[in-house]
Structures are given as structure tokens and as C-alpha cells.
Amino acid sequence: HTNADRKALQYLDSEFWLHQLTTVYRMCDGV
């Protein structure tokens, strides 16, 4: 996020991104 201080707009690493996708997959109806 743009409010993420030093990391603003940097891409997430693949592991963190996969974790986010998996969490949403388990708990939600889409993304």
C-alpha cells in the first residue's frame, strides 16, 4: 500500500502473495 512507508508500491514477494491468495481462497467467495 502507498502508506507502507519504505515499501510503498513495491511488489510483494511470491511467498507472501501466495499466502494472501490462499487465505482469501479459504475464507472468501472470490477475489
Full PDB file with SEQRES, HELIX, SHEET, SSBOND, CRYST1, ORIGX, SCALE, CONECT and MASTER records, all heavy atoms in Angstrom:
SEQRES   1 A   31  HIS THR ASN ALA ASP ARG LYS ALA LEU GLN TYR LEU ASP          
SEQRES   2 A   31  SER GLU PHE TRP LEU HIS GLN LEU THR THR VAL TYR ARG          
SEQRES   3 A   31  MET CYS ASP GLY VAL                                          
HELIX    1 AA1 ASP A    5  LYS A    7  5                                   3    
HELIX    2 AA2 SER A   14  MET A   27  1                                  14    
CRYST1    1.000    1.000    1.000  90.00  90.00  90.00 P 1           1          
ORIGX1      1.000000  0.000000  0.000000        0.00000                         
ORIGX2      0.000000  1.000000  0.000000        0.00000                         
ORIGX3      0.000000  0.000000  1.000000        0.00000                         
SCALE1      1.000000  0.000000  0.000000        0.00000                         
SCALE2      0.000000  1.000000  0.000000        0.00000                         
SCALE3      0.000000  0.000000  1.000000        0.00000                         
ATOM      1  N   HIS A   1       0.838  -1.197   0.000  1.00  0.00           N  
ATOM      2  CA  HIS A   1       0.000   0.000   0.000  1.00  0.00           C  
ATOM      3  C   HIS A   1       0.881   1.258   0.000  1.00  0.00           C  
ATOM      4  O   HIS A   1       2.004   1.233   0.487  1.00  0.00           O  
ATOM      5  CB  HIS A   1      -0.897  -0.028   1.249  1.00  0.00           C  
ATOM      6  CG  HIS A   1      -1.975   0.989   1.221  1.00  0.00           C  
ATOM      7  ND1 HIS A   1      -1.766   2.284   1.614  1.00  0.00           N  
ATOM      8  CD2 HIS A   1      -3.271   0.899   0.842  1.00  0.00           C  
ATOM      9  CE1 HIS A   1      -2.889   2.959   1.491  1.00  0.00           C  
ATOM     10  NE2 HIS A   1      -3.821   2.142   1.020  1.00  0.00           N  
ATOM     11  N   THR A   2       0.337   2.340  -0.516  1.00  0.00           N  
ATOM     12  CA  THR A   2       1.087   3.596  -0.558  1.00  0.00           C  
ATOM     13  C   THR A   2       1.429   4.125   0.834  1.00  0.00           C  
ATOM     14  O   THR A   2       2.338   4.939   0.975  1.00  0.00           O  
ATOM     15  CB  THR A   2       0.307   4.674  -1.338  1.00  0.00           C  
ATOM     16  OG1 THR A   2      -0.998   4.782  -0.782  1.00  0.00           O  
ATOM     17  CG2 THR A   2       0.221   4.312  -2.806  1.00  0.00           C  
ATOM     18  N   ASN A   3       0.730   3.663   1.858  1.00  0.00           N  
ATOM     19  CA  ASN A   3       1.031   4.063   3.239  1.00  0.00           C  
ATOM     20  C   ASN A   3       1.999   3.113   3.921  1.00  0.00           C  
ATOM     21  O   ASN A   3       2.147   3.157   5.136  1.00  0.00           O  
ATOM     22  CB  ASN A   3      -0.256   4.154   4.061  1.00  0.00           C  
ATOM     23  CG  ASN A   3      -1.132   5.296   3.609  1.00  0.00           C  
ATOM     24  OD1 ASN A   3      -0.654   6.259   3.036  1.00  0.00           O  
ATOM     25  ND2 ASN A   3      -2.422   5.181   3.846  1.00  0.00           N  
ATOM     26  N   ALA A   4       2.650   2.252   3.181  1.00  0.00           N  
ATOM     27  CA  ALA A   4       3.527   1.232   3.769  1.00  0.00           C  
ATOM     28  C   ALA A   4       4.959   1.726   3.961  1.00  0.00           C  
ATOM     29  O   ALA A   4       5.907   0.964   3.875  1.00  0.00           O  
ATOM     30  CB  ALA A   4       3.515  -0.025   2.909  1.00  0.00           C  
ATOM     31  N   ASP A   5       5.122   3.005   4.210  1.00  0.00           N  
ATOM     32  CA  ASP A   5       6.435   3.606   4.460  1.00  0.00           C  
ATOM     33  C   ASP A   5       7.436   3.261   3.369  1.00  0.00           C  
ATOM     34  O   ASP A   5       7.205   3.527   2.221  1.00  0.00           O  
ATOM     35  CB  ASP A   5       6.956   3.217   5.842  1.00  0.00           C  
ATOM     36  CG  ASP A   5       6.080   3.782   6.956  1.00  0.00           C  
ATOM     37  OD1 ASP A   5       5.510   4.868   6.753  1.00  0.00           O  
ATOM     38  OD2 ASP A   5       5.966   3.138   8.001  1.00  0.00           O  
ATOM     39  N   ARG A   6       8.519   2.607   3.742  1.00  0.00           N  
ATOM     40  CA  ARG A   6       9.627   2.350   2.813  1.00  0.00           C  
ATOM     41  C   ARG A   6       9.284   1.358   1.705  1.00  0.00           C  
ATOM     42  O   ARG A   6      10.001   1.265   0.729  1.00  0.00           O  
ATOM     43  CB  ARG A   6      10.843   1.841   3.588  1.00  0.00           C  
ATOM     44  CG  ARG A   6      11.397   2.872   4.521  1.00  0.00           C  
ATOM     45  CD  ARG A   6      12.640   2.344   5.214  1.00  0.00           C  
ATOM     46  NE  ARG A   6      12.979   3.246   6.290  1.00  0.00           N  
ATOM     47  CZ  ARG A   6      13.001   2.912   7.560  1.00  0.00           C  
ATOM     48  NH1 ARG A   6      12.730   1.680   7.919  1.00  0.00           N  
ATOM     49  NH2 ARG A   6      13.305   3.793   8.474  1.00  0.00           N  
ATOM     50  N   LYS A   7       8.234   0.595   1.861  1.00  0.00           N  
ATOM     51  CA  LYS A   7       7.889  -0.427   0.864  1.00  0.00           C  
ATOM     52  C   LYS A   7       6.783   0.013  -0.089  1.00  0.00           C  
ATOM     53  O   LYS A   7       6.382  -0.752  -0.960  1.00  0.00           O  
ATOM     54  CB  LYS A   7       7.487  -1.717   1.566  1.00  0.00           C  
ATOM     55  CG  LYS A   7       8.646  -2.401   2.258  1.00  0.00           C  
ATOM     56  CD  LYS A   7       8.273  -3.828   2.564  1.00  0.00           C  
ATOM     57  CE  LYS A   7       9.436  -4.601   3.051  1.00  0.00           C  
ATOM     58  NZ  LYS A   7      10.247  -5.163   1.978  1.00  0.00           N  
ATOM     59  N   ALA A   8       6.296   1.216   0.037  1.00  0.00           N  
ATOM     60  CA  ALA A   8       5.164   1.682  -0.771  1.00  0.00           C  
ATOM     61  C   ALA A   8       5.365   1.378  -2.248  1.00  0.00           C  
ATOM     62  O   ALA A   8       6.398   1.685  -2.830  1.00  0.00           O  
ATOM     63  CB  ALA A   8       4.961   3.179  -0.569  1.00  0.00           C  
ATOM     64  N   LEU A   9       4.376   0.713  -2.820  1.00  0.00           N  
ATOM     65  CA  LEU A   9       4.292   0.330  -4.226  1.00  0.00           C  
ATOM     66  C   LEU A   9       5.295  -0.728  -4.672  1.00  0.00           C  
ATOM     67  O   LEU A   9       5.278  -1.136  -5.825  1.00  0.00           O  
ATOM     68  CB  LEU A   9       4.370   1.552  -5.149  1.00  0.00           C  
ATOM     69  CG  LEU A   9       3.231   2.566  -4.986  1.00  0.00           C  
ATOM     70  CD1 LEU A   9       3.432   3.725  -5.941  1.00  0.00           C  
ATOM     71  CD2 LEU A   9       1.873   1.926  -5.199  1.00  0.00           C  
ATOM     72  N   GLN A  10       6.129  -1.220  -3.773  1.00  0.00           N  
ATOM     73  CA  GLN A  10       6.989  -2.351  -4.127  1.00  0.00           C  
ATOM     74  C   GLN A  10       6.115  -3.593  -4.233  1.00  0.00           C  
ATOM     75  O   GLN A  10       5.111  -3.735  -3.534  1.00  0.00           O  
ATOM     76  CB  GLN A  10       8.061  -2.585  -3.058  1.00  0.00           C  
ATOM     77  CG  GLN A  10       9.116  -1.514  -2.993  1.00  0.00           C  
ATOM     78  CD  GLN A  10      10.132  -1.803  -1.910  1.00  0.00           C  
ATOM     79  OE1 GLN A  10      10.377  -2.958  -1.556  1.00  0.00           O  
ATOM     80  NE2 GLN A  10      10.715  -0.752  -1.361  1.00  0.00           N  
ATOM     81  N   TYR A  11       6.515  -4.506  -5.101  1.00  0.00           N  
ATOM     82  CA  TYR A  11       5.757  -5.743  -5.238  1.00  0.00           C  
ATOM     83  C   TYR A  11       6.032  -6.663  -4.062  1.00  0.00           C  
ATOM     84  O   TYR A  11       7.143  -6.726  -3.533  1.00  0.00           O  
ATOM     85  CB  TYR A  11       6.112  -6.453  -6.553  1.00  0.00           C  
ATOM     86  CG  TYR A  11       5.537  -5.752  -7.744  1.00  0.00           C  
ATOM     87  CD1 TYR A  11       6.329  -4.936  -8.542  1.00  0.00           C  
ATOM     88  CD2 TYR A  11       4.192  -5.880  -8.053  1.00  0.00           C  
ATOM     89  CE1 TYR A  11       5.782  -4.274  -9.630  1.00  0.00           C  
ATOM     90  CE2 TYR A  11       3.648  -5.221  -9.137  1.00  0.00           C  
ATOM     91  CZ  TYR A  11       4.454  -4.412  -9.919  1.00  0.00           C  
ATOM     92  OH  TYR A  11       3.903  -3.758 -10.985  1.00  0.00           O  
ATOM     93  N   LEU A  12       4.990  -7.388  -3.649  1.00  0.00           N  
ATOM     94  CA  LEU A  12       5.141  -8.392  -2.602  1.00  0.00           C  
ATOM     95  C   LEU A  12       6.000  -9.528  -3.125  1.00  0.00           C  
ATOM     96  O   LEU A  12       5.969  -9.825  -4.331  1.00  0.00           O  
ATOM     97  CB  LEU A  12       3.779  -8.962  -2.188  1.00  0.00           C  
ATOM     98  CG  LEU A  12       2.684  -7.981  -1.768  1.00  0.00           C  
ATOM     99  CD1 LEU A  12       1.428  -8.749  -1.397  1.00  0.00           C  
ATOM    100  CD2 LEU A  12       3.129  -7.107  -0.631  1.00  0.00           C  
ATOM    101  N   ASP A  13       6.720 -10.194  -2.234  1.00  0.00           N  
ATOM    102  CA  ASP A  13       7.443 -11.380  -2.694  1.00  0.00           C  
ATOM    103  C   ASP A  13       6.418 -12.488  -2.957  1.00  0.00           C  
ATOM    104  O   ASP A  13       5.301 -12.463  -2.450  1.00  0.00           O  
ATOM    105  CB  ASP A  13       8.526 -11.807  -1.709  1.00  0.00           C  
ATOM    106  CG  ASP A  13       7.981 -12.252  -0.364  1.00  0.00           C  
ATOM    107  OD1 ASP A  13       7.219 -13.243  -0.332  1.00  0.00           O  
ATOM    108  OD2 ASP A  13       8.337 -11.632   0.659  1.00  0.00           O  
ATOM    109  N   SER A  14       6.810 -13.446  -3.768  1.00  0.00           N  
ATOM    110  CA  SER A  14       5.890 -14.503  -4.211  1.00  0.00           C  
ATOM    111  C   SER A  14       5.291 -15.285  -3.052  1.00  0.00           C  
ATOM    112  O   SER A  14       4.113 -15.637  -3.079  1.00  0.00           O  
ATOM    113  CB  SER A  14       6.612 -15.464  -5.154  1.00  0.00           C  
ATOM    114  OG  SER A  14       7.001 -14.797  -6.315  1.00  0.00           O  
ATOM    115  N   GLU A  15       6.090 -15.550  -2.029  1.00  0.00           N  
ATOM    116  CA  GLU A  15       5.595 -16.326  -0.878  1.00  0.00           C  
ATOM    117  C   GLU A  15       4.482 -15.586  -0.144  1.00  0.00           C  
ATOM    118  O   GLU A  15       3.451 -16.167   0.192  1.00  0.00           O  
ATOM    119  CB  GLU A  15       6.758 -16.615   0.070  1.00  0.00           C  
ATOM    120  CG  GLU A  15       6.367 -17.473   1.251  1.00  0.00           C  
ATOM    121  CD  GLU A  15       7.550 -17.729   2.170  1.00  0.00           C  
ATOM    122  OE1 GLU A  15       8.653 -18.011   1.671  1.00  0.00           O  
ATOM    123  OE2 GLU A  15       7.346 -17.647   3.395  1.00  0.00           O  
ATOM    124  N   PHE A  16       4.670 -14.312   0.108  1.00  0.00           N  
ATOM    125  CA  PHE A  16       3.661 -13.506   0.807  1.00  0.00           C  
ATOM    126  C   PHE A  16       2.403 -13.401  -0.063  1.00  0.00           C  
ATOM    127  O   PHE A  16       1.276 -13.526   0.423  1.00  0.00           O  
ATOM    128  CB  PHE A  16       4.231 -12.136   1.134  1.00  0.00           C  
ATOM    129  CG  PHE A  16       3.413 -11.283   2.074  1.00  0.00           C  
ATOM    130  CD1 PHE A  16       2.362 -11.806   2.830  1.00  0.00           C  
ATOM    131  CD2 PHE A  16       3.716  -9.949   2.237  1.00  0.00           C  
ATOM    132  CE1 PHE A  16       1.623 -11.016   3.697  1.00  0.00           C  
ATOM    133  CE2 PHE A  16       2.992  -9.140   3.098  1.00  0.00           C  
ATOM    134  CZ  PHE A  16       1.948  -9.671   3.821  1.00  0.00           C  
ATOM    135  N   TRP A  17       2.582 -13.190  -1.367  1.00  0.00           N  
ATOM    136  CA  TRP A  17       1.446 -13.097  -2.276  1.00  0.00           C  
ATOM    137  C   TRP A  17       0.654 -14.409  -2.312  1.00  0.00           C  
ATOM    138  O   TRP A  17      -0.575 -14.400  -2.238  1.00  0.00           O  
ATOM    139  CB  TRP A  17       1.926 -12.693  -3.661  1.00  0.00           C  
ATOM    140  CG  TRP A  17       0.837 -12.555  -4.669  1.00  0.00           C  
ATOM    141  CD1 TRP A  17       0.675 -13.300  -5.788  1.00  0.00           C  
ATOM    142  CD2 TRP A  17      -0.253 -11.626  -4.650  1.00  0.00           C  
ATOM    143  NE1 TRP A  17      -0.449 -12.892  -6.479  1.00  0.00           N  
ATOM    144  CE2 TRP A  17      -1.038 -11.863  -5.793  1.00  0.00           C  
ATOM    145  CE3 TRP A  17      -0.646 -10.624  -3.772  1.00  0.00           C  
ATOM    146  CZ2 TRP A  17      -2.179 -11.129  -6.095  1.00  0.00           C  
ATOM    147  CZ3 TRP A  17      -1.804  -9.890  -4.074  1.00  0.00           C  
ATOM    148  CH2 TRP A  17      -2.545 -10.153  -5.214  1.00  0.00           C  
ATOM    149  N   LEU A  18       1.352 -15.534  -2.400  1.00  0.00           N  
ATOM    150  CA  LEU A  18       0.670 -16.835  -2.380  1.00  0.00           C  
ATOM    151  C   LEU A  18      -0.083 -17.031  -1.072  1.00  0.00           C  
ATOM    152  O   LEU A  18      -1.187 -17.575  -1.057  1.00  0.00           O  
ATOM    153  CB  LEU A  18       1.669 -17.972  -2.586  1.00  0.00           C  
ATOM    154  CG  LEU A  18       2.049 -18.281  -4.019  1.00  0.00           C  
ATOM    155  CD1 LEU A  18       3.197 -19.287  -4.066  1.00  0.00           C  
ATOM    156  CD2 LEU A  18       0.861 -18.797  -4.810  1.00  0.00           C  
ATOM    157  N   HIS A  19       0.515 -16.596   0.022  1.00  0.00           N  
ATOM    158  CA  HIS A  19      -0.152 -16.697   1.324  1.00  0.00           C  
ATOM    159  C   HIS A  19      -1.454 -15.886   1.320  1.00  0.00           C  
ATOM    160  O   HIS A  19      -2.489 -16.359   1.797  1.00  0.00           O  
ATOM    161  CB  HIS A  19       0.784 -16.216   2.438  1.00  0.00           C  
ATOM    162  CG  HIS A  19       0.134 -16.176   3.760  1.00  0.00           C  
ATOM    163  ND1 HIS A  19      -0.101 -17.321   4.502  1.00  0.00           N  
ATOM    164  CD2 HIS A  19      -0.375 -15.136   4.480  1.00  0.00           C  
ATOM    165  CE1 HIS A  19      -0.711 -16.980   5.619  1.00  0.00           C  
ATOM    166  NE2 HIS A  19      -0.892 -15.676   5.630  1.00  0.00           N  
ATOM    167  N   GLN A  20      -1.408 -14.680   0.774  1.00  0.00           N  
ATOM    168  CA  GLN A  20      -2.614 -13.854   0.718  1.00  0.00           C  
ATOM    169  C   GLN A  20      -3.692 -14.516  -0.140  1.00  0.00           C  
ATOM    170  O   GLN A  20      -4.860 -14.586   0.264  1.00  0.00           O  
ATOM    171  CB  GLN A  20      -2.278 -12.465   0.178  1.00  0.00           C  
ATOM    172  CG  GLN A  20      -1.486 -11.630   1.152  1.00  0.00           C  
ATOM    173  CD  GLN A  20      -1.294 -10.219   0.668  1.00  0.00           C  
ATOM    174  OE1 GLN A  20      -1.779  -9.823  -0.402  1.00  0.00           O  
ATOM    175  NE2 GLN A  20      -0.579  -9.429   1.436  1.00  0.00           N  
ATOM    176  N   LEU A  21      -3.299 -14.993  -1.305  1.00  0.00           N  
ATOM    177  CA  LEU A  21      -4.268 -15.666  -2.174  1.00  0.00           C  
ATOM    178  C   LEU A  21      -4.883 -16.887  -1.496  1.00  0.00           C  
ATOM    179  O   LEU A  21      -6.096 -17.115  -1.586  1.00  0.00           O  
ATOM    180  CB  LEU A  21      -3.596 -16.086  -3.485  1.00  0.00           C  
ATOM    181  CG  LEU A  21      -3.203 -14.965  -4.444  1.00  0.00           C  
ATOM    182  CD1 LEU A  21      -2.354 -15.525  -5.575  1.00  0.00           C  
ATOM    183  CD2 LEU A  21      -4.431 -14.237  -4.974  1.00  0.00           C  
ATOM    184  N   THR A  22      -4.071 -17.664  -0.817  1.00  0.00           N  
ATOM    185  CA  THR A  22      -4.555 -18.874  -0.139  1.00  0.00           C  
ATOM    186  C   THR A  22      -5.500 -18.529   0.999  1.00  0.00           C  
ATOM    187  O   THR A  22      -6.537 -19.172   1.177  1.00  0.00           O  
ATOM    188  CB  THR A  22      -3.368 -19.718   0.360  1.00  0.00           C  
ATOM    189  OG1 THR A  22      -2.532 -20.029  -0.753  1.00  0.00           O  
ATOM    190  CG2 THR A  22      -3.828 -21.002   1.023  1.00  0.00           C  
ATOM    191  N   THR A  23      -5.172 -17.501   1.758  1.00  0.00           N  
ATOM    192  CA  THR A  23      -6.042 -17.075   2.863  1.00  0.00           C  
ATOM    193  C   THR A  23      -7.408 -16.653   2.331  1.00  0.00           C  
ATOM    194  O   THR A  23      -8.448 -17.084   2.848  1.00  0.00           O  
ATOM    195  CB  THR A  23      -5.389 -15.913   3.644  1.00  0.00           C  
ATOM    196  OG1 THR A  23      -4.142 -16.361   4.183  1.00  0.00           O  
ATOM    197  CG2 THR A  23      -6.292 -15.429   4.769  1.00  0.00           C  
ATOM    198  N   VAL A  24      -7.401 -15.845   1.294  1.00  0.00           N  
ATOM    199  CA  VAL A  24      -8.664 -15.386   0.706  1.00  0.00           C  
ATOM    200  C   VAL A  24      -9.432 -16.562   0.100  1.00  0.00           C  
ATOM    201  O   VAL A  24     -10.655 -16.655   0.243  1.00  0.00           O  
ATOM    202  CB  VAL A  24      -8.389 -14.268  -0.326  1.00  0.00           C  
ATOM    203  CG1 VAL A  24      -9.611 -13.976  -1.173  1.00  0.00           C  
ATOM    204  CG2 VAL A  24      -7.922 -13.012   0.400  1.00  0.00           C  
ATOM    205  N   TYR A  25      -8.734 -17.463  -0.535  1.00  0.00           N  
ATOM    206  CA  TYR A  25      -9.378 -18.654  -1.111  1.00  0.00           C  
ATOM    207  C   TYR A  25     -10.102 -19.464  -0.030  1.00  0.00           C  
ATOM    208  O   TYR A  25     -11.230 -19.912  -0.234  1.00  0.00           O  
ATOM    209  CB  TYR A  25      -8.329 -19.505  -1.816  1.00  0.00           C  
ATOM    210  CG  TYR A  25      -8.870 -20.776  -2.416  1.00  0.00           C  
ATOM    211  CD1 TYR A  25      -9.548 -20.755  -3.630  1.00  0.00           C  
ATOM    212  CD2 TYR A  25      -8.704 -21.995  -1.766  1.00  0.00           C  
ATOM    213  CE1 TYR A  25     -10.045 -21.925  -4.187  1.00  0.00           C  
ATOM    214  CE2 TYR A  25      -9.193 -23.164  -2.323  1.00  0.00           C  
ATOM    215  CZ  TYR A  25      -9.863 -23.123  -3.524  1.00  0.00           C  
ATOM    216  OH  TYR A  25     -10.360 -24.283  -4.071  1.00  0.00           O  
ATOM    217  N   ARG A  26      -9.459 -19.626   1.115  1.00  0.00           N  
ATOM    218  CA  ARG A  26     -10.041 -20.416   2.212  1.00  0.00           C  
ATOM    219  C   ARG A  26     -11.243 -19.726   2.849  1.00  0.00           C  
ATOM    220  O   ARG A  26     -12.176 -20.381   3.288  1.00  0.00           O  
ATOM    221  CB  ARG A  26      -8.998 -20.654   3.305  1.00  0.00           C  
ATOM    222  CG  ARG A  26      -7.988 -21.713   3.027  1.00  0.00           C  
ATOM    223  CD  ARG A  26      -7.127 -22.066   4.250  1.00  0.00           C  
ATOM    224  NE  ARG A  26      -7.307 -21.196   5.390  1.00  0.00           N  
ATOM    225  CZ  ARG A  26      -6.431 -20.262   5.803  1.00  0.00           C  
ATOM    226  NH1 ARG A  26      -5.307 -20.085   5.160  1.00  0.00           N  
ATOM    227  NH2 ARG A  26      -6.685 -19.519   6.859  1.00  0.00           N  
ATOM    228  N   MET A  27     -11.233 -18.397   2.903  1.00  0.00           N  
ATOM    229  CA  MET A  27     -12.205 -17.685   3.723  1.00  0.00           C  
ATOM    230  C   MET A  27     -13.263 -16.898   2.947  1.00  0.00           C  
ATOM    231  O   MET A  27     -14.241 -16.465   3.537  1.00  0.00           O  
ATOM    232  CB  MET A  27     -11.476 -16.717   4.665  1.00  0.00           C  
ATOM    233  CG  MET A  27     -10.547 -17.401   5.648  1.00  0.00           C  
ATOM    234  SD  MET A  27      -9.867 -16.245   6.845  1.00  0.00           S  
ATOM    235  CE  MET A  27     -11.340 -15.929   7.853  1.00  0.00           C  
ATOM    236  N   CYS A  28     -13.050 -16.690   1.655  1.00  0.00           N  
ATOM    237  CA  CYS A  28     -13.936 -15.789   0.907  1.00  0.00           C  
ATOM    238  C   CYS A  28     -14.561 -16.479  -0.300  1.00  0.00           C  
ATOM    239  O   CYS A  28     -14.334 -17.660  -0.528  1.00  0.00           O  
ATOM    240  CB  CYS A  28     -13.145 -14.552   0.464  1.00  0.00           C  
ATOM    241  SG  CYS A  28     -12.483 -13.598   1.862  1.00  0.00           S  
ATOM    242  N   ASP A  29     -15.310 -15.703  -1.041  1.00  0.00           N  
ATOM    243  CA  ASP A  29     -16.057 -16.234  -2.186  1.00  0.00           C  
ATOM    244  C   ASP A  29     -15.441 -15.862  -3.526  1.00  0.00           C  
ATOM    245  O   ASP A  29     -15.997 -16.179  -4.572  1.00  0.00           O  
ATOM    246  CB  ASP A  29     -17.500 -15.712  -2.125  1.00  0.00           C  
ATOM    247  CG  ASP A  29     -18.160 -16.092  -0.813  1.00  0.00           C  
ATOM    248  OD1 ASP A  29     -18.334 -17.301  -0.577  1.00  0.00           O  
ATOM    249  OD2 ASP A  29     -18.456 -15.179  -0.011  1.00  0.00           O  
ATOM    250  N   GLY A  30     -14.318 -15.208  -3.504  1.00  0.00           N  
ATOM    251  CA  GLY A  30     -13.642 -14.779  -4.718  1.00  0.00           C  
ATOM    252  C   GLY A  30     -12.610 -13.735  -4.352  1.00  0.00           C  
ATOM    253  O   GLY A  30     -12.356 -13.482  -3.171  1.00  0.00           O  
ATOM    254  N   VAL A  31     -12.026 -13.117  -5.359  1.00  0.00           N  
ATOM    255  CA  VAL A  31     -11.020 -12.080  -5.126  1.00  0.00           C  
ATOM    256  C   VAL A  31     -10.997 -11.131  -6.315  1.00  0.00           C  
ATOM    257  O   VAL A  31     -11.278 -11.533  -7.450  1.00  0.00           O  
ATOM    258  CB  VAL A  31      -9.615 -12.697  -4.891  1.00  0.00           C  
ATOM    259  CG1 VAL A  31      -9.113 -13.429  -6.119  1.00  0.00           C  
ATOM    260  CG2 VAL A  31      -8.611 -11.653  -4.425  1.00  0.00           C  
TER     261      VAL A  31                                                      
MASTER        0    0    0    2    0    0    0    6  260    1    0    3          
END                                                                             
